[in-house]
Amino acid sequence: NVFAPFLILPAMFALQRVLLLRGWPAI
């Protein structure tokens, strides 16, 4: 229950890059 929430912040930064970038950076 501590491990899982730790993963969420970098996942949200990754999601933002997926939404706004193109090509290999988004992939």
PDB file of all heavy atoms in Angstrom:
ATOM      1  N   ASN A   1       0.807  -1.215   0.000  1.00  0.00           N
ATOM      2  CA  ASN A   1       0.000   0.000   0.000  1.00  0.00           C
ATOM      3  C   ASN A   1       0.842   1.268   0.000  1.00  0.00           C
ATOM      4  O   ASN A   1       0.308   2.373  -0.183  1.00  0.00           O
ATOM      5  CB  ASN A   1      -0.934   0.009   1.217  1.00  0.00           C
ATOM      6  CG  ASN A   1      -1.942  -1.110   1.173  1.00  0.00           C
ATOM      7  OD1 ASN A   1      -2.496  -1.415   0.123  1.00  0.00           O
ATOM      8  ND2 ASN A   1      -2.170  -1.772   2.300  1.00  0.00           N
ATOM      9  N   VAL A   2       2.146   1.143   0.219  1.00  0.00           N
ATOM     10  CA  VAL A   2       3.067   2.274   0.104  1.00  0.00           C
ATOM     11  C   VAL A   2       3.806   2.205  -1.225  1.00  0.00           C
ATOM     12  O   VAL A   2       4.033   3.220  -1.885  1.00  0.00           O
ATOM     13  CB  VAL A   2       4.064   2.300   1.280  1.00  0.00           C
ATOM     14  CG1 VAL A   2       4.921   3.563   1.218  1.00  0.00           C
ATOM     15  CG2 VAL A   2       3.337   2.210   2.613  1.00  0.00           C
ATOM     16  N   PHE A   3       4.170   1.002  -1.628  1.00  0.00           N
ATOM     17  CA  PHE A   3       4.865   0.788  -2.896  1.00  0.00           C
ATOM     18  C   PHE A   3       4.067   1.337  -4.071  1.00  0.00           C
ATOM     19  O   PHE A   3       4.586   2.071  -4.910  1.00  0.00           O
ATOM     20  CB  PHE A   3       5.135  -0.714  -3.063  1.00  0.00           C
ATOM     21  CG  PHE A   3       5.378  -1.162  -4.476  1.00  0.00           C
ATOM     22  CD1 PHE A   3       6.500  -0.726  -5.177  1.00  0.00           C
ATOM     23  CD2 PHE A   3       4.504  -2.035  -5.111  1.00  0.00           C
ATOM     24  CE1 PHE A   3       6.733  -1.148  -6.480  1.00  0.00           C
ATOM     25  CE2 PHE A   3       4.734  -2.464  -6.401  1.00  0.00           C
ATOM     26  CZ  PHE A   3       5.847  -2.016  -7.099  1.00  0.00           C
ATOM     27  N   ALA A   4       2.790   0.989  -4.149  1.00  0.00           N
ATOM     28  CA  ALA A   4       1.977   1.370  -5.308  1.00  0.00           C
ATOM     29  C   ALA A   4       1.824   2.887  -5.465  1.00  0.00           C
ATOM     30  O   ALA A   4       2.043   3.423  -6.556  1.00  0.00           O
ATOM     31  CB  ALA A   4       0.622   0.681  -5.249  1.00  0.00           C
ATOM     32  N   PRO A   5       1.468   3.632  -4.405  1.00  0.00           N
ATOM     33  CA  PRO A   5       1.358   5.090  -4.570  1.00  0.00           C
ATOM     34  C   PRO A   5       2.676   5.753  -4.958  1.00  0.00           C
ATOM     35  O   PRO A   5       2.670   6.803  -5.606  1.00  0.00           O
ATOM     36  CB  PRO A   5       0.889   5.566  -3.187  1.00  0.00           C
ATOM     37  CG  PRO A   5       0.184   4.384  -2.605  1.00  0.00           C
ATOM     38  CD  PRO A   5       0.952   3.195  -3.090  1.00  0.00           C
ATOM     39  N   PHE A   6       3.804   5.147  -4.552  1.00  0.00           N
ATOM     40  CA  PHE A   6       5.114   5.694  -4.918  1.00  0.00           C
ATOM     41  C   PHE A   6       5.293   5.757  -6.433  1.00  0.00           C
ATOM     42  O   PHE A   6       5.987   6.641  -6.951  1.00  0.00           O
ATOM     43  CB  PHE A   6       6.207   4.830  -4.286  1.00  0.00           C
ATOM     44  CG  PHE A   6       7.610   5.236  -4.652  1.00  0.00           C
ATOM     45  CD1 PHE A   6       8.231   6.295  -4.012  1.00  0.00           C
ATOM     46  CD2 PHE A   6       8.317   4.559  -5.640  1.00  0.00           C
ATOM     47  CE1 PHE A   6       9.526   6.678  -4.350  1.00  0.00           C
ATOM     48  CE2 PHE A   6       9.607   4.930  -5.985  1.00  0.00           C
ATOM     49  CZ  PHE A   6      10.209   5.994  -5.339  1.00  0.00           C
ATOM     50  N   LEU A   7       4.666   4.851  -7.168  1.00  0.00           N
ATOM     51  CA  LEU A   7       4.838   4.769  -8.617  1.00  0.00           C
ATOM     52  C   LEU A   7       4.011   5.793  -9.388  1.00  0.00           C
ATOM     53  O   LEU A   7       4.234   5.991 -10.590  1.00  0.00           O
ATOM     54  CB  LEU A   7       4.445   3.367  -9.109  1.00  0.00           C
ATOM     55  CG  LEU A   7       5.139   2.162  -8.462  1.00  0.00           C
ATOM     56  CD1 LEU A   7       4.621   0.872  -9.081  1.00  0.00           C
ATOM     57  CD2 LEU A   7       6.657   2.259  -8.607  1.00  0.00           C
ATOM     58  N   ILE A   8       3.082   6.459  -8.737  1.00  0.00           N
ATOM     59  CA  ILE A   8       2.082   7.229  -9.471  1.00  0.00           C
ATOM     60  C   ILE A   8       2.608   8.559 -10.013  1.00  0.00           C
ATOM     61  O   ILE A   8       2.298   8.932 -11.156  1.00  0.00           O
ATOM     62  CB  ILE A   8       0.834   7.425  -8.593  1.00  0.00           C
ATOM     63  CG1 ILE A   8       0.171   6.061  -8.345  1.00  0.00           C
ATOM     64  CG2 ILE A   8      -0.157   8.390  -9.246  1.00  0.00           C
ATOM     65  CD1 ILE A   8      -1.004   6.089  -7.401  1.00  0.00           C
ATOM     66  N   LEU A   9       3.433   9.283  -9.259  1.00  0.00           N
ATOM     67  CA  LEU A   9       3.920  10.581  -9.750  1.00  0.00           C
ATOM     68  C   LEU A   9       4.684  10.453 -11.069  1.00  0.00           C
ATOM     69  O   LEU A   9       4.366  11.175 -12.033  1.00  0.00           O
ATOM     70  CB  LEU A   9       4.775  11.275  -8.685  1.00  0.00           C
ATOM     71  CG  LEU A   9       5.368  12.625  -9.110  1.00  0.00           C
ATOM     72  CD1 LEU A   9       4.272  13.625  -9.440  1.00  0.00           C
ATOM     73  CD2 LEU A   9       6.286  13.179  -8.022  1.00  0.00           C
ATOM     74  N   PRO A  10       5.683   9.581 -11.194  1.00  0.00           N
ATOM     75  CA  PRO A  10       6.359   9.470 -12.502  1.00  0.00           C
ATOM     76  C   PRO A  10       5.434   8.980 -13.604  1.00  0.00           C
ATOM     77  O   PRO A  10       5.622   9.335 -14.777  1.00  0.00           O
ATOM     78  CB  PRO A  10       7.502   8.482 -12.227  1.00  0.00           C
ATOM     79  CG  PRO A  10       7.131   7.765 -10.987  1.00  0.00           C
ATOM     80  CD  PRO A  10       6.327   8.728 -10.179  1.00  0.00           C
ATOM     81  N   ALA A  11       4.425   8.184 -13.248  1.00  0.00           N
ATOM     82  CA  ALA A  11       3.457   7.744 -14.252  1.00  0.00           C
ATOM     83  C   ALA A  11       2.681   8.932 -14.807  1.00  0.00           C
ATOM     84  O   ALA A  11       2.385   8.988 -16.011  1.00  0.00           O
ATOM     85  CB  ALA A  11       2.497   6.722 -13.649  1.00  0.00           C
ATOM     86  N   MET A  12       2.353   9.907 -13.958  1.00  0.00           N
ATOM     87  CA  MET A  12       1.603  11.076 -14.432  1.00  0.00           C
ATOM     88  C   MET A  12       2.468  11.978 -15.310  1.00  0.00           C
ATOM     89  O   MET A  12       1.982  12.555 -16.294  1.00  0.00           O
ATOM     90  CB  MET A  12       1.053  11.877 -13.234  1.00  0.00           C
ATOM     91  CG  MET A  12       0.032  11.116 -12.397  1.00  0.00           C
ATOM     92  SD  MET A  12      -1.318  10.392 -13.362  1.00  0.00           S
ATOM     93  CE  MET A  12      -0.874   8.650 -13.340  1.00  0.00           C
ATOM     94  N   PHE A  13       3.745  12.112 -14.992  1.00  0.00           N
ATOM     95  CA  PHE A  13       4.636  12.871 -15.875  1.00  0.00           C
ATOM     96  C   PHE A  13       4.781  12.157 -17.218  1.00  0.00           C
ATOM     97  O   PHE A  13       4.835  12.799 -18.271  1.00  0.00           O
ATOM     98  CB  PHE A  13       5.999  13.080 -15.212  1.00  0.00           C
ATOM     99  CG  PHE A  13       6.069  14.301 -14.351  1.00  0.00           C
ATOM    100  CD1 PHE A  13       5.888  14.216 -12.983  1.00  0.00           C
ATOM    101  CD2 PHE A  13       6.316  15.552 -14.905  1.00  0.00           C
ATOM    102  CE1 PHE A  13       5.946  15.344 -12.181  1.00  0.00           C
ATOM    103  CE2 PHE A  13       6.375  16.686 -14.113  1.00  0.00           C
ATOM    104  CZ  PHE A  13       6.186  16.593 -12.749  1.00  0.00           C
ATOM    105  N   ALA A  14       4.842  10.817 -17.187  1.00  0.00           N
ATOM    106  CA  ALA A  14       4.920  10.056 -18.436  1.00  0.00           C
ATOM    107  C   ALA A  14       3.646  10.235 -19.254  1.00  0.00           C
ATOM    108  O   ALA A  14       3.699  10.419 -20.480  1.00  0.00           O
ATOM    109  CB  ALA A  14       5.160   8.581 -18.128  1.00  0.00           C
ATOM    110  N   LEU A  15       2.498  10.205 -18.591  1.00  0.00           N
ATOM    111  CA  LEU A  15       1.230  10.378 -19.286  1.00  0.00           C
ATOM    112  C   LEU A  15       1.164  11.751 -19.956  1.00  0.00           C
ATOM    113  O   LEU A  15       0.692  11.876 -21.099  1.00  0.00           O
ATOM    114  CB  LEU A  15       0.068  10.208 -18.305  1.00  0.00           C
ATOM    115  CG  LEU A  15      -1.338  10.462 -18.868  1.00  0.00           C
ATOM    116  CD1 LEU A  15      -1.635   9.524 -20.030  1.00  0.00           C
ATOM    117  CD2 LEU A  15      -2.388  10.307 -17.761  1.00  0.00           C
ATOM    118  N   GLN A  16       1.624  12.771 -19.275  1.00  0.00           N
ATOM    119  CA  GLN A  16       1.609  14.115 -19.852  1.00  0.00           C
ATOM    120  C   GLN A  16       2.470  14.173 -21.113  1.00  0.00           C
ATOM    121  O   GLN A  16       2.098  14.809 -22.114  1.00  0.00           O
ATOM    122  CB  GLN A  16       2.114  15.139 -18.828  1.00  0.00           C
ATOM    123  CG  GLN A  16       2.082  16.569 -19.337  1.00  0.00           C
ATOM    124  CD  GLN A  16       2.403  17.581 -18.265  1.00  0.00           C
ATOM    125  OE1 GLN A  16       1.537  18.328 -17.810  1.00  0.00           O
ATOM    126  NE2 GLN A  16       3.646  17.614 -17.846  1.00  0.00           N
ATOM    127  N   ARG A  17       3.603  13.495 -21.104  1.00  0.00           N
ATOM    128  CA  ARG A  17       4.467  13.462 -22.287  1.00  0.00           C
ATOM    129  C   ARG A  17       3.785  12.706 -23.428  1.00  0.00           C
ATOM    130  O   ARG A  17       3.915  13.084 -24.595  1.00  0.00           O
ATOM    131  CB  ARG A  17       5.808  12.812 -21.939  1.00  0.00           C
ATOM    132  CG  ARG A  17       6.670  13.651 -21.020  1.00  0.00           C
ATOM    133  CD  ARG A  17       7.984  12.958 -20.690  1.00  0.00           C
ATOM    134  NE  ARG A  17       8.842  12.846 -21.857  1.00  0.00           N
ATOM    135  CZ  ARG A  17       9.646  13.797 -22.301  1.00  0.00           C
ATOM    136  NH1 ARG A  17       9.716  14.961 -21.664  1.00  0.00           N
ATOM    137  NH2 ARG A  17      10.396  13.604 -23.365  1.00  0.00           N
ATOM    138  N   VAL A  18       3.086  11.652 -23.094  1.00  0.00           N
ATOM    139  CA  VAL A  18       2.342  10.910 -24.125  1.00  0.00           C
ATOM    140  C   VAL A  18       1.321  11.820 -24.797  1.00  0.00           C
ATOM    141  O   VAL A  18       1.140  11.798 -26.026  1.00  0.00           O
ATOM    142  CB  VAL A  18       1.640   9.682 -23.514  1.00  0.00           C
ATOM    143  CG1 VAL A  18       0.687   9.042 -24.518  1.00  0.00           C
ATOM    144  CG2 VAL A  18       2.660   8.656 -23.041  1.00  0.00           C
ATOM    145  N   LEU A  19       0.658  12.646 -24.016  1.00  0.00           N
ATOM    146  CA  LEU A  19      -0.409  13.495 -24.530  1.00  0.00           C
ATOM    147  C   LEU A  19       0.095  14.659 -25.382  1.00  0.00           C
ATOM    148  O   LEU A  19      -0.587  15.102 -26.297  1.00  0.00           O
ATOM    149  CB  LEU A  19      -1.241  14.049 -23.371  1.00  0.00           C
ATOM    150  CG  LEU A  19      -1.992  13.014 -22.519  1.00  0.00           C
ATOM    151  CD1 LEU A  19      -2.634  13.686 -21.319  1.00  0.00           C
ATOM    152  CD2 LEU A  19      -3.033  12.277 -23.348  1.00  0.00           C
ATOM    153  N   LEU A  20       1.302  15.149 -25.079  1.00  0.00           N
ATOM    154  CA  LEU A  20       1.762  16.385 -25.717  1.00  0.00           C
ATOM    155  C   LEU A  20       2.910  16.208 -26.702  1.00  0.00           C
ATOM    156  O   LEU A  20       3.203  17.126 -27.471  1.00  0.00           O
ATOM    157  CB  LEU A  20       2.176  17.402 -24.643  1.00  0.00           C
ATOM    158  CG  LEU A  20       1.038  17.920 -23.747  1.00  0.00           C
ATOM    159  CD1 LEU A  20       1.581  18.834 -22.660  1.00  0.00           C
ATOM    160  CD2 LEU A  20      -0.009  18.654 -24.577  1.00  0.00           C
ATOM    161  N   LEU A  21       3.590  15.067 -26.662  1.00  0.00           N
ATOM    162  CA  LEU A  21       4.723  14.858 -27.559  1.00  0.00           C
ATOM    163  C   LEU A  21       4.364  13.869 -28.663  1.00  0.00           C
ATOM    164  O   LEU A  21       3.312  13.226 -28.632  1.00  0.00           O
ATOM    165  CB  LEU A  21       5.938  14.351 -26.766  1.00  0.00           C
ATOM    166  CG  LEU A  21       6.500  15.314 -25.722  1.00  0.00           C
ATOM    167  CD1 LEU A  21       7.703  14.695 -25.028  1.00  0.00           C
ATOM    168  CD2 LEU A  21       6.881  16.654 -26.333  1.00  0.00           C
ATOM    169  N   ARG A  22       5.264  13.746 -29.621  1.00  0.00           N
ATOM    170  CA  ARG A  22       5.046  12.821 -30.725  1.00  0.00           C
ATOM    171  C   ARG A  22       6.309  12.005 -30.971  1.00  0.00           C
ATOM    172  O   ARG A  22       7.386  12.339 -30.494  1.00  0.00           O
ATOM    173  CB  ARG A  22       4.678  13.586 -32.002  1.00  0.00           C
ATOM    174  CG  ARG A  22       3.401  14.395 -31.864  1.00  0.00           C
ATOM    175  CD  ARG A  22       3.014  15.061 -33.164  1.00  0.00           C
ATOM    176  NE  ARG A  22       1.794  15.849 -33.008  1.00  0.00           N
ATOM    177  CZ  ARG A  22       1.153  16.433 -34.007  1.00  0.00           C
ATOM    178  NH1 ARG A  22       1.624  16.324 -35.241  1.00  0.00           N
ATOM    179  NH2 ARG A  22       0.044  17.128 -33.790  1.00  0.00           N
ATOM    180  N   GLY A  23       6.162  10.929 -31.729  1.00  0.00           N
ATOM    181  CA  GLY A  23       7.315  10.119 -32.098  1.00  0.00           C
ATOM    182  C   GLY A  23       7.843   9.294 -30.940  1.00  0.00           C
ATOM    183  O   GLY A  23       7.103   8.913 -30.022  1.00  0.00           O
ATOM    184  N   TRP A  24       9.156   9.028 -30.991  1.00  0.00           N
ATOM    185  CA  TRP A  24       9.770   8.167 -29.982  1.00  0.00           C
ATOM    186  C   TRP A  24       9.629   8.666 -28.552  1.00  0.00           C
ATOM    187  O   TRP A  24       9.422   7.862 -27.641  1.00  0.00           O
ATOM    188  CB  TRP A  24      11.245   7.941 -30.323  1.00  0.00           C
ATOM    189  CG  TRP A  24      11.429   6.902 -31.390  1.00  0.00           C
ATOM    190  CD1 TRP A  24      11.812   7.091 -32.688  1.00  0.00           C
ATOM    191  CD2 TRP A  24      11.196   5.495 -31.246  1.00  0.00           C
ATOM    192  NE1 TRP A  24      11.826   5.901 -33.359  1.00  0.00           N
ATOM    193  CE2 TRP A  24      11.464   4.897 -32.509  1.00  0.00           C
ATOM    194  CE3 TRP A  24      10.784   4.681 -30.189  1.00  0.00           C
ATOM    195  CZ2 TRP A  24      11.340   3.537 -32.727  1.00  0.00           C
ATOM    196  CZ3 TRP A  24      10.659   3.322 -30.396  1.00  0.00           C
ATOM    197  CH2 TRP A  24      10.930   2.759 -31.650  1.00  0.00           C
ATOM    198  N   PRO A  25       9.757   9.979 -28.284  1.00  0.00           N
ATOM    199  CA  PRO A  25       9.555  10.436 -26.898  1.00  0.00           C
ATOM    200  C   PRO A  25       8.192  10.030 -26.335  1.00  0.00           C
ATOM    201  O   PRO A  25       8.089   9.614 -25.179  1.00  0.00           O
ATOM    202  CB  PRO A  25       9.689  11.960 -27.001  1.00  0.00           C
ATOM    203  CG  PRO A  25      10.579  12.165 -28.181  1.00  0.00           C
ATOM    204  CD  PRO A  25      10.191  11.098 -29.159  1.00  0.00           C
ATOM    205  N   ALA A  26       7.138  10.132 -27.163  1.00  0.00           N
ATOM    206  CA  ALA A  26       5.804   9.739 -26.701  1.00  0.00           C
ATOM    207  C   ALA A  26       5.704   8.230 -26.526  1.00  0.00           C
ATOM    208  O   ALA A  26       5.073   7.737 -25.583  1.00  0.00           O
ATOM    209  CB  ALA A  26       4.750  10.222 -27.692  1.00  0.00           C
ATOM    210  N   ILE A  27       6.338   7.463 -27.421  1.00  0.00           N
ATOM    211  CA  ILE A  27       6.300   5.997 -27.334  1.00  0.00           C
ATOM    212  C   ILE A  27       7.023   5.516 -26.077  1.00  0.00           C
ATOM    213  O   ILE A  27       6.532   4.646 -25.344  1.00  0.00           O
ATOM    214  CB  ILE A  27       6.922   5.372 -28.594  1.00  0.00           C
ATOM    215  CG1 ILE A  27       6.045   5.670 -29.812  1.00  0.00           C
ATOM    216  CG2 ILE A  27       7.100   3.864 -28.418  1.00  0.00           C
ATOM    217  CD1 ILE A  27       6.666   5.272 -31.127  1.00  0.00           C
TER     218      ILE A  27
END
